[in-house]
C-alpha atoms as a PDB file:
ATOM      1  CA  MET A   1     116.611 -34.261 -37.729  1.00  0.00           C
ATOM      2  CA  TYR A   2     117.903 -31.163 -38.605  1.00  0.00           C
ATOM      3  CA  ASN A   3     121.272 -29.769 -36.402  1.00  0.00           C
ATOM      4  CA  ILE A   4     119.669 -26.104 -36.061  1.00  0.00           C
ATOM      5  CA  THR A   5     118.758 -24.061 -33.079  1.00  0.00           C
ATOM      6  CA  PHE A   6     115.954 -21.319 -32.230  1.00  0.00           C
ATOM      7  CA  GLN A   7     118.988 -18.531 -32.383  1.00  0.00           C
ATOM      8  CA  GLN A   8     119.809 -19.428 -35.515  1.00  0.00           C
ATOM      9  CA  LEU A   9     116.151 -19.357 -36.815  1.00  0.00           C
ATOM     10  CA  ALA A  10     115.816 -16.048 -35.029  1.00  0.00           C
ATOM     11  CA  THR A  11     118.886 -14.588 -36.987  1.00  0.00           C
ATOM     12  CA  PHE A  12     117.276 -16.104 -40.516  1.00  0.00           C
ATOM     13  CA  PHE A  13     113.978 -14.144 -39.788  1.00  0.00           C
ATOM     14  CA  ALA A  14     116.015 -10.881 -39.038  1.00  0.00           C
ATOM     15  CA  VAL A  15     118.506 -11.021 -42.182  1.00  0.00           C
ATOM     16  CA  ALA A  16     115.430 -12.006 -44.058  1.00  0.00           C
ATOM     17  CA  ASP A  17     113.517  -8.977 -42.945  1.00  0.00           C
ATOM     18  CA  HIS A  18     116.232  -6.664 -43.608  1.00  0.00           C
ATOM     19  CA  LEU A  19     118.182  -8.221 -46.524  1.00  0.00           C
ATOM     20  CA  ASN A  20     121.200  -6.103 -45.091  1.00  0.00           C
ATOM     21  CA  ILE A  21     124.260  -7.950 -43.229  1.00  0.00           C
ATOM     22  CA  SER A  22     124.893  -4.650 -41.570  1.00  0.00           C
ATOM     23  CA  GLU A  23     121.862  -3.563 -40.423  1.00  0.00           C
ATOM     24  CA  THR A  24     120.745  -6.913 -38.963  1.00  0.00           C
ATOM     25  CA  ALA A  25     123.843  -7.025 -36.998  1.00  0.00           C
ATOM     26  CA  ASN A  26     123.211  -3.563 -35.653  1.00  0.00           C
ATOM     27  CA  ALA A  27     119.287  -4.310 -34.938  1.00  0.00           C
ATOM     28  CA  MET A  28     120.774  -7.671 -33.343  1.00  0.00           C
ATOM     29  CA  TYR A  29     123.525  -6.044 -31.317  1.00  0.00           C
ATOM     30  CA  ILE A  30     126.093  -8.751 -32.499  1.00  0.00           C
ATOM     31  CA  SER A  31     129.252  -8.628 -35.102  1.00  0.00           C
ATOM     32  CA  GLN A  32     128.568  -9.226 -38.357  1.00  0.00           C
ATOM     33  CA  SER A  33     131.029 -11.662 -38.660  1.00  0.00           C
ATOM     34  CA  ALA A  34     129.101 -13.445 -35.714  1.00  0.00           C
ATOM     35  CA  LEU A  35     125.947 -13.113 -37.593  1.00  0.00           C
ATOM     36  CA  SER A  36     127.322 -14.594 -40.823  1.00  0.00           C
ATOM     37  CA  LYS A  37     128.727 -17.596 -38.998  1.00  0.00           C
ATOM     38  CA  THR A  38     125.070 -17.957 -37.477  1.00  0.00           C
ATOM     39  CA  ILE A  39     123.793 -18.377 -40.926  1.00  0.00           C
ATOM     40  CA  HIS A  40     126.424 -20.599 -42.527  1.00  0.00           C
ATOM     41  CA  ARG A  41     125.598 -23.114 -39.520  1.00  0.00           C
ATOM     42  CA  LEU A  42     121.942 -22.576 -40.461  1.00  0.00           C
ATOM     43  CA  GLU A  43     122.451 -23.033 -43.918  1.00  0.00           C
ATOM     44  CA  ASP A  44     125.034 -26.487 -43.332  1.00  0.00           C
ATOM     45  CA  GLY A  45     122.360 -27.624 -41.014  1.00  0.00           C
ATOM     46  CA  LEU A  46     119.410 -27.503 -43.459  1.00  0.00           C
ATOM     47  CA  GLY A  47     122.003 -28.353 -46.339  1.00  0.00           C
ATOM     48  CA  MET A  48     120.428 -25.708 -48.457  1.00  0.00           C
ATOM     49  CA  LYS A  49     121.193 -22.144 -49.391  1.00  0.00           C
ATOM     50  CA  LEU A  50     118.551 -19.549 -47.756  1.00  0.00           C
ATOM     51  CA  PHE A  51     120.263 -16.502 -48.943  1.00  0.00           C
ATOM     52  CA  LEU A  52     121.587 -15.312 -52.642  1.00  0.00           C
ATOM     53  CA  ARG A  53     124.547 -13.249 -52.379  1.00  0.00           C
ATOM     54  CA  SER A  54     125.692 -10.676 -55.201  1.00  0.00           C
ATOM     55  CA  ASN A  55     127.039  -7.157 -56.396  1.00  0.00           C
ATOM     56  CA  ARG A  56     123.386  -5.970 -55.905  1.00  0.00           C
ATOM     57  CA  GLY A  57     123.253  -6.949 -52.417  1.00  0.00           C
ATOM     58  CA  LEU A  58     121.271 -10.028 -50.644  1.00  0.00           C
ATOM     59  CA  ALA A  59     118.241 -11.787 -51.423  1.00  0.00           C
ATOM     60  CA  LEU A  60     116.222 -14.781 -50.525  1.00  0.00           C
ATOM     61  CA  SER A  61     116.795 -18.127 -52.283  1.00  0.00           C
ATOM     62  CA  LYS A  62     113.545 -19.967 -53.559  1.00  0.00           C
ATOM     63  CA  GLU A  63     114.334 -22.023 -51.165  1.00  0.00           C
ATOM     64  CA  GLY A  64     114.881 -19.476 -48.218  1.00  0.00           C
ATOM     65  CA  GLU A  65     111.270 -17.542 -49.422  1.00  0.00           C
ATOM     66  CA  PHE A  66     109.710 -20.636 -49.108  1.00  0.00           C
ATOM     67  CA  LEU A  67     110.948 -21.537 -45.786  1.00  0.00           C
ATOM     68  CA  TYR A  68     110.626 -18.195 -44.366  1.00  0.00           C
ATOM     69  CA  SER A  69     106.956 -17.744 -45.520  1.00  0.00           C
ATOM     70  CA  LYS A  70     106.437 -21.539 -43.722  1.00  0.00           C
ATOM     71  CA  LEU A  71     108.181 -21.216 -40.634  1.00  0.00           C
ATOM     72  CA  ARG A  72     107.433 -17.506 -39.457  1.00  0.00           C
ATOM     73  CA  THR A  73     104.617 -18.191 -37.735  1.00  0.00           C
ATOM     74  CA  PRO A  74     105.058 -21.451 -36.529  1.00  0.00           C
ATOM     75  CA  TYR A  75     108.120 -20.248 -34.775  1.00  0.00           C
ATOM     76  CA  ASN A  76     106.271 -17.232 -33.379  1.00  0.00           C
ATOM     77  CA  ASN A  77     103.756 -19.915 -31.709  1.00  0.00           C
ATOM     78  CA  MET A  78     106.594 -21.890 -30.291  1.00  0.00           C
ATOM     79  CA  CYS A  79     108.169 -18.549 -28.470  1.00  0.00           C
ATOM     80  CA  LYS A  80     104.163 -17.534 -27.376  1.00  0.00           C
ATOM     81  CA  ASN A  81     103.780 -20.969 -25.974  1.00  0.00           C
ATOM     82  CA  ILE A  82     107.025 -21.117 -24.021  1.00  0.00           C
ATOM     83  CA  GLN A  83     105.917 -17.843 -22.802  1.00  0.00           C
ATOM     84  CA  LEU A  84     102.860 -18.917 -21.814  1.00  0.00           C
ATOM     85  CA  ALA A  85     104.088 -21.893 -19.894  1.00  0.00           C
ATOM     86  CA  LYS A  86     106.389 -19.535 -18.017  1.00  0.00           C
ATOM     87  CA  ASP A  87     103.165 -17.427 -17.055  1.00  0.00           C
ATOM     88  CA  MET A  88     101.160 -20.413 -15.588  1.00  0.00           C
ATOM     89  CA  LYS A  89     102.869 -19.710 -12.607  1.00  0.00           C
ATOM     90  CA  LYS A  90     102.067 -15.965 -11.882  1.00  0.00           C
ATOM     91  CA  ALA A  91      98.918 -15.270  -9.739  1.00  0.00           C
ATOM     92  CA  LYS A  92      97.970 -12.062 -11.733  1.00  0.00           C
ATOM     93  CA  ILE A  93      98.374 -11.781 -15.395  1.00  0.00           C
ATOM     94  CA  ILE A  94      97.149 -10.350 -18.368  1.00  0.00           C
ATOM     95  CA  ARG A  95      97.897 -12.029 -21.890  1.00  0.00           C
ATOM     96  CA  ILE A  96      97.636  -9.674 -24.462  1.00  0.00           C
ATOM     97  CA  GLY A  97      97.877 -10.332 -28.142  1.00  0.00           C
ATOM     98  CA  TYR A  98      98.857  -7.519 -30.452  1.00  0.00           C
ATOM     99  CA  PRO A  99      98.730  -7.420 -34.655  1.00  0.00           C
ATOM    100  CA  SER A 100     102.148  -8.132 -36.177  1.00  0.00           C
ATOM    101  CA  THR A 101     102.192  -4.303 -37.406  1.00  0.00           C
ATOM    102  CA  TYR A 102     101.785  -3.038 -33.822  1.00  0.00           C
ATOM    103  CA  ASP A 103     105.726  -2.153 -33.336  1.00  0.00           C
ATOM    104  CA  ALA A 104     106.059  -0.737 -37.117  1.00  0.00           C
ATOM    105  CA  SER A 105     103.562   2.013 -36.742  1.00  0.00           C
ATOM    106  CA  ASN A 106     103.370   5.291 -34.806  1.00  0.00           C
ATOM    107  CA  ASP A 107      99.575   5.085 -34.905  1.00  0.00           C
ATOM    108  CA  TYR A 108      99.398   3.549 -31.519  1.00  0.00           C
ATOM    109  CA  ASP A 109     101.374   5.767 -29.848  1.00  0.00           C
ATOM    110  CA  LYS A 110      98.451   6.893 -27.251  1.00  0.00           C
ATOM    111  CA  LEU A 111      97.773   3.570 -26.743  1.00  0.00           C
ATOM    112  CA  LYS A 112     101.096   2.428 -26.102  1.00  0.00           C
ATOM    113  CA  ARG A 113     101.563   5.292 -23.460  1.00  0.00           C
ATOM    114  CA  LEU A 114      98.401   4.452 -22.184  1.00  0.00           C
ATOM    115  CA  ILE A 115      99.603   0.454 -21.518  1.00  0.00           C
ATOM    116  CA  ASP A 116     103.333   1.775 -20.351  1.00  0.00           C
ATOM    117  CA  ASP A 117     101.529   3.726 -17.503  1.00  0.00           C
ATOM    118  CA  TYR A 118      98.855   0.905 -16.116  1.00  0.00           C
ATOM    119  CA  ALA A 119     101.517  -1.468 -16.054  1.00  0.00           C
ATOM    120  CA  ALA A 120     103.769   1.513 -13.891  1.00  0.00           C
ATOM    121  CA  ARG A 121     100.582   1.609 -11.926  1.00  0.00           C
ATOM    122  CA  HIS A 122      99.926  -1.695 -11.183  1.00  0.00           C
ATOM    123  CA  PRO A 123     103.402  -3.536 -10.643  1.00  0.00           C
ATOM    124  CA  GLU A 124     101.570  -6.511  -8.916  1.00  0.00           C
ATOM    125  CA  ILE A 125      99.725  -7.507 -12.477  1.00  0.00           C
ATOM    126  CA  GLU A 126     101.801  -9.134 -15.007  1.00  0.00           C
ATOM    127  CA  LEU A 127     101.136  -8.054 -18.944  1.00  0.00           C
ATOM    128  CA  SER A 128     102.368 -10.880 -21.080  1.00  0.00           C
ATOM    129  CA  GLU A 129     102.373  -9.105 -24.671  1.00  0.00           C
ATOM    130  CA  ILE A 130     102.797 -11.341 -27.749  1.00  0.00           C
ATOM    131  CA  LEU A 131     102.604 -10.369 -31.298  1.00  0.00           C
ATOM    132  CA  TYR A 132     100.729 -12.373 -34.018  1.00  0.00           C
ATOM    133  CA  ASP A 133      99.924 -12.489 -37.724  1.00  0.00           C
ATOM    134  CA  PHE A 134      96.366 -11.504 -38.443  1.00  0.00           C
ATOM    135  CA  MET A 135      95.455 -14.562 -39.126  1.00  0.00           C
ATOM    136  CA  ASP A 136      96.729 -16.000 -35.934  1.00  0.00           C
ATOM    137  CA  LEU A 137      95.460 -13.309 -34.008  1.00  0.00           C
ATOM    138  CA  LYS A 138      91.466 -14.102 -33.820  1.00  0.00           C
ATOM    139  CA  HIS A 139      92.210 -17.676 -33.379  1.00  0.00           C
ATOM    140  CA  ALA A 140      94.585 -16.842 -30.199  1.00  0.00           C
ATOM    141  CA  LEU A 141      91.499 -15.019 -28.814  1.00  0.00           C
ATOM    142  CA  LEU A 142      89.005 -17.897 -29.374  1.00  0.00           C
ATOM    143  CA  TYR A 143      91.010 -20.571 -28.426  1.00  0.00           C
ATOM    144  CA  GLY A 144      91.757 -18.840 -25.074  1.00  0.00           C
ATOM    145  CA  ASP A 145      95.548 -18.569 -25.806  1.00  0.00           C
ATOM    146  CA  VAL A 146      95.272 -14.655 -24.647  1.00  0.00           C
ATOM    147  CA  ASP A 147      92.568 -12.955 -22.777  1.00  0.00           C
ATOM    148  CA  ILE A 148      92.063  -9.908 -24.935  1.00  0.00           C
ATOM    149  CA  ILE A 149      93.600  -9.047 -28.232  1.00  0.00           C
ATOM    150  CA  PHE A 150      93.791  -5.451 -30.238  1.00  0.00           C
ATOM    151  CA  SER A 151      93.222  -5.979 -33.852  1.00  0.00           C
ATOM    152  CA  HIS A 152      90.946  -4.153 -36.536  1.00  0.00           C
ATOM    153  CA  ASP A 153      86.922  -4.184 -36.429  1.00  0.00           C
ATOM    154  CA  PHE A 154      86.564  -5.949 -39.544  1.00  0.00           C
ATOM    155  CA  ILE A 155      88.317  -9.086 -38.522  1.00  0.00           C
ATOM    156  CA  PHE A 156      85.584  -9.764 -35.807  1.00  0.00           C
ATOM    157  CA  ASN A 157      82.428  -9.051 -38.231  1.00  0.00           C
ATOM    158  CA  ASN A 158      79.603 -11.949 -37.204  1.00  0.00           C
ATOM    159  CA  VAL A 159      81.949 -13.676 -34.829  1.00  0.00           C
ATOM    160  CA  PRO A 160      79.710 -14.861 -31.708  1.00  0.00           C
ATOM    161  CA  HIS A 161      80.527 -14.665 -28.516  1.00  0.00           C
ATOM    162  CA  VAL A 162      83.195 -11.738 -28.666  1.00  0.00           C
ATOM    163  CA  SER A 163      82.625  -8.120 -27.548  1.00  0.00           C
ATOM    164  CA  THR A 164      85.185  -5.447 -28.862  1.00  0.00           C
ATOM    165  CA  LYS A 165      85.796  -1.421 -27.674  1.00  0.00           C
ATOM    166  CA  ARG A 166      87.081   0.925 -30.505  1.00  0.00           C
ATOM    167  CA  VAL A 167      90.151   2.295 -29.287  1.00  0.00           C
ATOM    168  CA  CYS A 168      91.199   4.457 -32.384  1.00  0.00           C
ATOM    169  CA  ARG A 169      91.024   4.758 -36.152  1.00  0.00           C
ATOM    170  CA  SER A 170      93.255   3.274 -38.509  1.00  0.00           C
ATOM    171  CA  ARG A 171      95.555   5.089 -41.429  1.00  0.00           C
ATOM    172  CA  THR A 172      94.944   3.949 -44.482  1.00  0.00           C
ATOM    173  CA  CYS A 173      98.011   4.221 -47.230  1.00  0.00           C
ATOM    174  CA  LEU A 174      99.038   3.220 -50.428  1.00  0.00           C
ATOM    175  CA  ALA A 175     102.022   1.401 -50.390  1.00  0.00           C
ATOM    176  CA  MET A 176     105.125   1.165 -53.092  1.00  0.00           C
ATOM    177  CA  SER A 177     108.661   0.439 -53.728  1.00  0.00           C
ATOM    178  CA  LYS A 178     110.152   3.931 -53.875  1.00  0.00           C
ATOM    179  CA  LYS A 179     111.573   2.698 -57.074  1.00  0.00           C
ATOM    180  CA  HIS A 180     107.802   1.915 -58.907  1.00  0.00           C
ATOM    181  CA  PRO A 181     106.979   5.012 -60.941  1.00  0.00           C
ATOM    182  CA  PHE A 182     103.904   5.842 -58.910  1.00  0.00           C
ATOM    183  CA  ALA A 183     106.341   6.953 -55.773  1.00  0.00           C
ATOM    184  CA  VAL A 184     107.072  10.360 -57.689  1.00  0.00           C
ATOM    185  CA  TYR A 185     103.587  11.481 -56.564  1.00  0.00           C
ATOM    186  CA  ASN A 186     102.861  12.425 -53.057  1.00  0.00           C
ATOM    187  CA  SER A 187      98.865  12.368 -53.079  1.00  0.00           C
ATOM    188  CA  PHE A 188      96.916  10.046 -54.223  1.00  0.00           C
ATOM    189  CA  SER A 189      94.380  12.352 -56.126  1.00  0.00           C
ATOM    190  CA  GLU A 190      97.431  12.867 -58.390  1.00  0.00           C
ATOM    191  CA  LEU A 191      97.318   9.604 -59.497  1.00  0.00           C
ATOM    192  CA  ILE A 192      95.364   8.192 -62.540  1.00  0.00           C
ATOM    193  CA  LYS A 193      92.954   5.038 -61.532  1.00  0.00           C
ATOM    194  CA  GLU A 194      92.967   3.423 -64.887  1.00  0.00           C
ATOM    195  CA  ASP A 195      96.962   2.777 -64.006  1.00  0.00           C
ATOM    196  CA  PHE A 196      95.654   0.574 -61.466  1.00  0.00           C
ATOM    197  CA  GLU A 197      94.526  -1.924 -64.124  1.00  0.00           C
ATOM    198  CA  LYS A 198      98.327  -2.922 -64.879  1.00  0.00           C
ATOM    199  CA  GLU A 199      99.171  -3.403 -61.435  1.00  0.00           C
ATOM    200  CA  TYR A 200      99.311  -6.190 -58.726  1.00  0.00           C
ATOM    201  CA  PHE A 201      98.080  -5.706 -55.313  1.00  0.00           C
ATOM    202  CA  TYR A 202      99.304  -7.770 -52.178  1.00  0.00           C
ATOM    203  CA  ALA A 203      97.310  -8.443 -48.926  1.00  0.00           C
ATOM    204  CA  LEU A 204      97.225 -10.800 -45.767  1.00  0.00           C
ATOM    205  CA  ILE A 205      95.648 -13.942 -45.178  1.00  0.00           C
ATOM    206  CA  ILE A 206      92.932 -13.329 -42.684  1.00  0.00           C
ATOM    207  CA  ASP A 207      90.101 -15.749 -43.043  1.00  0.00           C
ATOM    208  CA  ASP A 208      90.008 -17.871 -46.560  1.00  0.00           C
ATOM    209  CA  GLU A 209      90.649 -17.199 -49.925  1.00  0.00           C
ATOM    210  CA  ILE A 210      87.293 -16.526 -51.006  1.00  0.00           C
ATOM    211  CA  SER A 211      86.052 -13.776 -47.988  1.00  0.00           C
ATOM    212  CA  ASP A 212      89.380 -12.280 -48.074  1.00  0.00           C
ATOM    213  CA  ARG A 213      89.351 -11.805 -51.785  1.00  0.00           C
ATOM    214  CA  GLU A 214      86.233 -10.268 -51.665  1.00  0.00           C
ATOM    215  CA  ARG A 215      87.184  -8.046 -48.572  1.00  0.00           C
ATOM    216  CA  SER A 216      90.080  -6.694 -50.610  1.00  0.00           C
ATOM    217  CA  LEU A 217      88.579  -6.142 -53.776  1.00  0.00           C
ATOM    218  CA  SER A 218      85.551  -4.002 -51.889  1.00  0.00           C
ATOM    219  CA  ARG A 219      88.136  -1.996 -49.974  1.00  0.00           C
ATOM    220  CA  LEU A 220      90.245  -0.673 -53.075  1.00  0.00           C
ATOM    221  CA  LYS A 221      86.826  -0.343 -55.255  1.00  0.00           C
ATOM    222  CA  LYS A 222      85.948   2.429 -52.439  1.00  0.00           C
ATOM    223  CA  TYR A 223      89.331   4.286 -54.003  1.00  0.00           C
ATOM    224  CA  GLY A 224      88.521   3.518 -57.379  1.00  0.00           C
ATOM    225  CA  ILE A 225      91.243   1.082 -57.621  1.00  0.00           C
ATOM    226  CA  VAL A 226      90.542  -1.802 -59.462  1.00  0.00           C
ATOM    227  CA  PRO A 227      93.557  -4.206 -59.616  1.00  0.00           C
ATOM    228  CA  LYS A 228      95.044  -6.726 -62.206  1.00  0.00           C
ATOM    229  CA  ASP A 229      94.912  -9.270 -59.783  1.00  0.00           C
ATOM    230  CA  MET A 230      95.513  -9.527 -55.853  1.00  0.00           C
ATOM    231  CA  GLN A 231      98.403 -11.711 -54.346  1.00  0.00           C
ATOM    232  CA  TYR A 232      98.355 -13.132 -50.599  1.00  0.00           C
ATOM    233  CA  VAL A 233     100.941 -13.900 -47.997  1.00  0.00           C
ATOM    234  CA  LEU A 234     100.822 -15.106 -44.855  1.00  0.00           C
ATOM    235  CA  ASN A 235     102.692 -12.800 -42.663  1.00  0.00           C
ATOM    236  CA  PHE A 236     103.362  -8.747 -42.397  1.00  0.00           C
ATOM    237  CA  GLN A 237     106.779  -9.409 -43.066  1.00  0.00           C
ATOM    238  CA  SER A 238     106.490 -10.637 -46.062  1.00  0.00           C
ATOM    239  CA  LEU A 239     104.025  -8.629 -47.372  1.00  0.00           C
ATOM    240  CA  MET A 240     106.509  -5.529 -46.413  1.00  0.00           C
ATOM    241  CA  ARG A 241     109.180  -7.627 -48.242  1.00  0.00           C
ATOM    242  CA  ALA A 242     106.922  -8.263 -51.678  1.00  0.00           C
ATOM    243  CA  ILE A 243     106.406  -4.093 -51.167  1.00  0.00           C
ATOM    244  CA  ARG A 244     110.152  -3.314 -51.094  1.00  0.00           C
ATOM    245  CA  GLN A 245     110.979  -5.942 -53.959  1.00  0.00           C
ATOM    246  CA  GLY A 246     108.631  -3.913 -56.553  1.00  0.00           C
ATOM    247  CA  LYS A 247     106.478  -7.303 -56.617  1.00  0.00           C
ATOM    248  CA  GLY A 248     103.202  -5.066 -56.178  1.00  0.00           C
ATOM    249  CA  MET A 249     101.555  -2.533 -54.204  1.00  0.00           C
ATOM    250  CA  THR A 250      99.472  -2.662 -50.797  1.00  0.00           C
ATOM    251  CA  VAL A 251      96.747  -0.602 -49.767  1.00  0.00           C
ATOM    252  CA  GLY A 252      97.258  -1.035 -45.572  1.00  0.00           C
ATOM    253  CA  GLY A 253      98.743   1.005 -42.623  1.00  0.00           C
ATOM    254  CA  TYR A 254     101.431   3.450 -42.501  1.00  0.00           C
ATOM    255  CA  PHE A 255     104.584   1.872 -41.094  1.00  0.00           C
ATOM    256  CA  PRO A 256     107.699   3.935 -40.517  1.00  0.00           C
ATOM    257  CA  ASN A 257     109.222   1.189 -38.081  1.00  0.00           C
ATOM    258  CA  VAL A 258     109.031  -1.680 -40.281  1.00  0.00           C
ATOM    259  CA  PRO A 259     112.616  -3.084 -41.310  1.00  0.00           C
ATOM    260  CA  GLY A 260     113.283  -1.683 -44.901  1.00  0.00           C
ATOM    261  CA  HIS A 261     110.689   1.440 -44.769  1.00  0.00           C
ATOM    262  CA  GLU A 262     113.358   3.872 -46.133  1.00  0.00           C
ATOM    263  CA  GLU A 263     112.752   1.398 -49.534  1.00  0.00           C
ATOM    264  CA  ILE A 264     108.712   1.998 -49.242  1.00  0.00           C
ATOM    265  CA  LYS A 265     106.727   4.987 -50.189  1.00  0.00           C
ATOM    266  CA  PHE A 266     103.255   5.444 -48.624  1.00  0.00           C
ATOM    267  CA  ILE A 267     100.818   7.718 -49.647  1.00  0.00           C
ATOM    268  CA  ASP A 268      97.801   8.522 -47.726  1.00  0.00           C
ATOM    269  CA  MET A 269      94.367   7.389 -48.948  1.00  0.00           C
ATOM    270  CA  PRO A 270      91.320   9.810 -48.486  1.00  0.00           C
ATOM    271  CA  GLN A 271      89.547   9.406 -45.339  1.00  0.00           C
ATOM    272  CA  LYS A 272      86.349   7.683 -45.433  1.00  0.00           C
ATOM    273  CA  LYS A 273      83.261   7.188 -42.659  1.00  0.00           C
ATOM    274  CA  ASP A 274      83.909   3.539 -42.852  1.00  0.00           C
ATOM    275  CA  ASP A 275      87.692   2.987 -42.363  1.00  0.00           C
ATOM    276  CA  PRO A 276      88.486   0.216 -40.248  1.00  0.00           C
ATOM    277  CA  TYR A 277      89.199   1.020 -36.596  1.00  0.00           C
ATOM    278  CA  LEU A 278      91.371  -0.687 -34.145  1.00  0.00           C
ATOM    279  CA  VAL A 279      89.464  -2.536 -31.282  1.00  0.00           C
ATOM    280  CA  VAL A 280      90.250  -4.431 -28.240  1.00  0.00           C
ATOM    281  CA  ALA A 281      88.240  -7.720 -27.986  1.00  0.00           C
ATOM    282  CA  TRP A 282      87.373 -10.130 -25.374  1.00  0.00           C
ATOM    283  CA  ARG A 283      85.523 -13.280 -25.299  1.00  0.00           C
ATOM    284  CA  THR A 284      82.269 -11.907 -23.565  1.00  0.00           C
ATOM    285  CA  ASP A 285      81.745 -14.909 -20.975  1.00  0.00           C
ATOM    286  CA  ASP A 286      85.490 -15.299 -20.175  1.00  0.00           C
ATOM    287  CA  LEU A 287      87.140 -12.008 -18.728  1.00  0.00           C
ATOM    288  CA  SER A 288      89.055 -11.965 -15.471  1.00  0.00           C
ATOM    289  CA  LYS A 289      88.481  -8.801 -13.283  1.00  0.00           C
ATOM    290  CA  GLU A 290      92.144  -7.877 -14.141  1.00  0.00           C
ATOM    291  CA  ALA A 291      91.485  -7.982 -17.652  1.00  0.00           C
ATOM    292  CA  GLN A 292      88.078  -5.856 -17.181  1.00  0.00           C
ATOM    293  CA  ASP A 293      89.984  -3.278 -15.267  1.00  0.00           C
ATOM    294  CA  PHE A 294      92.411  -2.999 -18.075  1.00  0.00           C
ATOM    295  CA  ILE A 295      89.867  -2.769 -20.823  1.00  0.00           C
ATOM    296  CA  ASN A 296      88.151  -0.383 -18.563  1.00  0.00           C
ATOM    297  CA  ILE A 297      91.078   2.516 -18.575  1.00  0.00           C
ATOM    298  CA  ILE A 298      90.659   2.688 -22.400  1.00  0.00           C
ATOM    299  CA  PRO A 299      88.928   5.746 -23.103  1.00  0.00           C
ATOM    300  CA  ASP A 300      85.536   5.887 -24.917  1.00  0.00           C
ATOM    301  CA  ASP A 301      86.820   8.472 -27.046  1.00  0.00           C
ATOM    302  CA  PRO A 302      88.558   6.691 -30.324  1.00  0.00           C
ATOM    303  CA  GLU A 303      88.653   9.951 -32.190  1.00  0.00           C
ATOM    304  CA  GLY A 304      90.846  11.596 -28.940  1.00  0.00           C
ATOM    305  CA  MET A 305      93.313   8.355 -29.034  1.00  0.00           C
ATOM    306  CA  THR A 306      93.731   8.978 -33.035  1.00  0.00           C
ATOM    307  CA  VAL A 307      97.381  10.450 -33.674  1.00  0.00           C
ATOM    308  CA  PHE A 308      96.862  11.415 -37.380  1.00  0.00           C
ATOM    309  CA  GLY A 309      94.346  13.075 -39.576  1.00  0.00           C
ATOM    310  CA  HIS A 310      91.862  15.355 -39.202  1.00  0.00           C
ATOM    311  CA  GLY A 311      88.037  15.336 -37.697  1.00  0.00           C
ATOM    312  CA  LYS A 312      85.009  13.494 -38.965  1.00  0.00           C
ATOM    313  CA  ASP A 313      83.445  16.376 -40.574  1.00  0.00           C
ATOM    314  CA  GLU A 314      86.762  16.053 -42.894  1.00  0.00           C
ATOM    315  CA  MET A 315      86.045  12.314 -44.039  1.00  0.00           C
ATOM    316  CA  LEU A 316      84.496  11.574 -47.009  1.00  0.00           C
END
């Protein structure tokens, strides 16, 4: 048994996200000395160094990188299940799952205001809101851990017994480290497509390696991108850290609120008619009245709920 605590793990994940003691301490509302002591106790309890400290700053050790990728999702699930256990005593509750990118993006601002208004008008109904990695989000719905989820439409291609409703369009950006040579450009049209053949692209694991790779390469091909290779990570935090560290690029959303966003350059991709949509999804034959009423407040106007870009006529 290892002498570690939930607080120590939460602190480890926060420091790994920021890779900056001062920023992490401010985000957690604790002193830098208290934060450093917590990390030291965790390292002592595990018997290994999780971070490398040098004049160049803070970085995860090889062991820290491994534990981050393996423990982040189980930790989130433990927190989720504890919350679910607490919620069991409540009579009226809607359990909502969100993608791990939800708070990092401004693209869902209209949806967030809609949900806040619903909660204010229905104090008798408890909204239990949980963030999931993409790979776990679909499973949470299918296994009954949540009543509804918000996710991207391509996740539910050919999934039986699940119904969906479009909420808003999802922005698509090319993201890279601000130290990358391509970061001097502000428009995708300025980039030379042949140069992408030298680049590694990163993506999240959603289903399995074969289908994920096929989906990723097909998505890149729409923009004329043929990468040197694809690399996959388990969670959103690991993806953003790989981009910040200059390991490769990614095509995904616009995330101005993600830790370390100031180190990432986002370039808007041309809008296309088959760009992904954020949808609300639920198990077709297993929906409470409260959850159905909640779904009904979402307008049947995904373009009106979209907070960026232009109208359909300007899409390619």
